[in-house]
Protein backbone atom coordinates (compact mmCIF):
# COMPACT_ATOMS: atom_id res chain seq x y z
CA MET A 1 129.30 120.07 100.70
CA SER A 2 128.76 122.77 97.99
CA TRP A 3 127.53 121.95 94.44
CA ILE A 4 128.69 123.73 91.35
CA ARG A 5 125.87 124.45 88.86
CA MET A 6 127.01 123.44 85.39
CA ARG A 7 125.70 125.26 82.47
CA GLU A 8 124.91 123.77 79.05
CA ILE A 9 127.86 124.43 76.65
CA LYS A 10 126.44 125.55 73.28
CA PHE A 11 127.09 128.15 70.63
CA ARG A 12 125.40 130.19 67.98
CA ALA A 13 127.38 131.69 65.12
CA TRP A 14 127.24 134.85 63.00
CA SER A 15 128.21 134.45 59.28
CA ILE A 16 129.88 137.68 58.03
CA PHE A 17 129.32 136.60 54.46
CA MET A 18 125.71 135.58 54.83
CA ARG A 19 124.90 138.26 57.39
CA ARG A 20 122.87 135.74 59.24
CA MET A 21 122.86 134.16 62.75
CA TYR A 22 122.91 130.38 62.92
CA TYR A 23 121.62 128.57 65.99
CA PRO A 24 122.19 124.80 66.82
CA PRO A 25 121.78 122.35 65.35
CA PHE A 26 123.80 123.70 62.54
CA PRO A 27 122.73 122.77 59.02
CA GLY A 28 124.42 119.56 57.73
CA ASP A 29 128.15 119.27 58.00
CA SER A 30 128.61 123.05 57.54
CA ALA A 31 131.83 124.95 58.15
CA ILE A 32 130.02 126.58 61.19
CA GLY A 33 129.20 123.31 62.86
CA THR A 34 132.61 121.77 62.03
CA LYS A 35 134.49 124.84 63.44
CA ILE A 36 132.62 124.69 66.71
CA LEU A 37 132.64 120.99 67.12
CA ASN A 38 136.43 120.89 66.49
CA ASN A 39 136.82 123.39 69.38
CA CYS A 40 138.64 126.01 67.11
CA ASP A 41 139.94 128.84 69.18
CA CYS A 42 137.42 131.29 67.92
CA HIS A 43 138.99 134.32 69.53
CA ASN A 44 142.35 133.62 68.12
CA ILE A 45 143.45 135.53 64.95
CA THR A 46 144.89 132.38 63.57
CA CYS A 47 141.43 130.72 63.26
CA PRO A 48 140.84 129.46 59.77
CA HIS A 49 137.20 130.43 59.55
CA LYS A 50 137.48 134.22 60.11
CA HIS A 51 134.14 134.73 58.40
CA ILE A 52 132.29 132.85 61.23
CA ILE A 53 131.95 134.35 64.72
CA PRO A 54 130.77 131.94 67.32
CA MET A 55 129.12 133.16 70.35
CA GLN A 56 128.91 131.00 73.59
CA PHE A 57 125.61 130.47 75.62
CA THR A 58 125.94 132.12 79.16
CA GLY A 59 123.71 129.49 80.85
CA LEU A 60 121.19 132.31 81.58
CA LYS A 61 117.70 133.13 80.28
CA ASP A 62 115.89 136.38 79.99
CA LYS A 63 112.40 137.20 81.23
CA ASN A 64 110.94 135.51 78.05
CA LYS A 65 112.93 132.31 78.75
CA LYS A 66 115.11 133.03 75.73
CA ASP A 67 118.88 131.88 75.87
CA ILE A 68 121.26 134.63 76.49
CA TYR A 69 124.45 134.43 74.37
CA GLU A 70 127.63 136.46 74.17
CA GLY A 71 127.05 139.34 71.81
CA ASP A 72 123.34 139.89 72.89
CA ILE A 73 122.05 143.21 73.71
CA ILE A 74 119.77 143.21 76.82
CA LYS A 75 117.61 145.84 78.44
CA ASP A 76 117.18 145.68 82.29
CA MET A 77 114.25 146.68 84.40
CA TYR A 78 115.56 150.22 84.63
CA GLU A 79 115.65 150.52 80.85
CA ILE A 80 119.55 150.40 80.80
CA VAL A 81 120.84 148.73 77.61
CA TRP A 82 123.72 146.16 78.27
CA GLN A 83 126.02 144.20 75.92
CA VAL A 84 126.93 140.66 76.93
CA ARG A 85 130.51 139.87 76.47
CA TYR A 86 132.96 137.01 77.02
CA SER A 87 136.50 137.63 77.97
CA LEU A 88 139.25 135.79 79.64
CA ASN A 89 136.96 132.82 80.35
CA GLU A 90 134.32 134.98 81.96
CA PHE A 91 131.06 136.50 80.94
CA GLY A 92 130.26 139.99 81.80
CA ILE A 93 127.91 142.97 80.75
CA VAL A 94 128.96 146.36 79.67
CA THR A 95 126.88 149.59 79.21
CA THR A 96 128.06 153.08 78.11
CA THR A 97 125.94 156.15 78.54
CA LYS A 98 126.73 159.77 77.97
CA GLU A 99 128.14 160.00 81.55
CA PHE A 100 129.94 156.74 82.18
CA THR A 101 130.99 153.23 81.18
CA LYS A 102 130.29 150.35 83.55
CA ALA A 103 131.37 146.74 83.25
CA ILE A 104 130.16 143.88 85.52
CA GLU A 105 131.59 140.50 85.60
CA ILE A 106 129.23 137.59 86.01
CA GLU A 107 131.11 135.54 88.61
CA ASN A 108 128.19 133.37 89.67
CA TYR A 109 124.63 132.76 88.77
CA ASP A 110 123.08 133.92 92.18
CA CYS A 111 121.80 137.10 90.61
CA VAL A 112 119.00 135.16 88.84
CA ASN A 113 116.27 137.63 89.76
CA TRP A 114 118.10 140.51 88.01
CA TRP A 115 118.45 138.36 84.81
CA GLU A 116 114.78 137.36 84.89
CA GLY A 117 113.96 141.08 84.67
CA CYS A 118 116.06 141.45 81.55
CA LYS A 119 114.88 141.20 77.96
CA ILE A 120 116.96 140.46 74.95
CA ILE A 121 116.44 143.29 72.45
CA GLY A 122 119.03 142.34 69.82
CA ASN A 123 122.60 141.52 69.19
CA ILE A 124 125.74 143.46 68.33
CA TYR A 125 125.79 142.23 64.68
CA GLN A 126 122.09 142.67 63.60
CA ASN A 127 121.27 145.66 65.88
CA PRO A 128 124.36 147.71 66.53
CA GLU A 129 122.26 150.96 66.56
CA LEU A 130 120.80 149.92 70.04
CA LEU A 131 124.26 150.41 71.60
CA GLU A 132 124.54 153.82 69.85
CA LYS A 133 121.24 155.08 71.26
CA GLN A 134 122.38 154.02 74.85
CA LYS A 135 125.65 156.13 74.41
CA THR A 136 123.57 159.29 74.01
CA ARG A 137 121.35 158.49 76.84
CA LYS A 138 121.59 160.32 80.24
CA ASN A 139 121.89 157.91 83.12
CA LYS A 140 119.15 158.73 85.61
CA TYR A 141 120.06 155.67 87.89
CA LYS A 142 123.69 156.59 88.49
């Protein structure tokens, strides 16, 4: 018999208007909390709260035991910078250097050792310049 490891379902949210990241528990009965608790399809263009961008928890932690969310920017043990993405019901990581773009789907959580060597260095809303620096970097681990 095989057991499936369930991850905790939680979100954080970026407010475009406030230019601020909100983490659970969300303040009071705010629009952020209401949107997420009502399971609004956040990636659908018809979502009524377009100024709020929710990001789902991956179920993984970095080397400092910080929760890794979609939209985070992480650096691995080889100093390669990755963006955590969520698409088509799967999490993945993407990196772009001067020489290539690489995407990896996170199909299972068996690669815990790799994740434990990663560090969150920012996110795509508050630190987009981290991804720009990576694009100009030569990949010495190709």
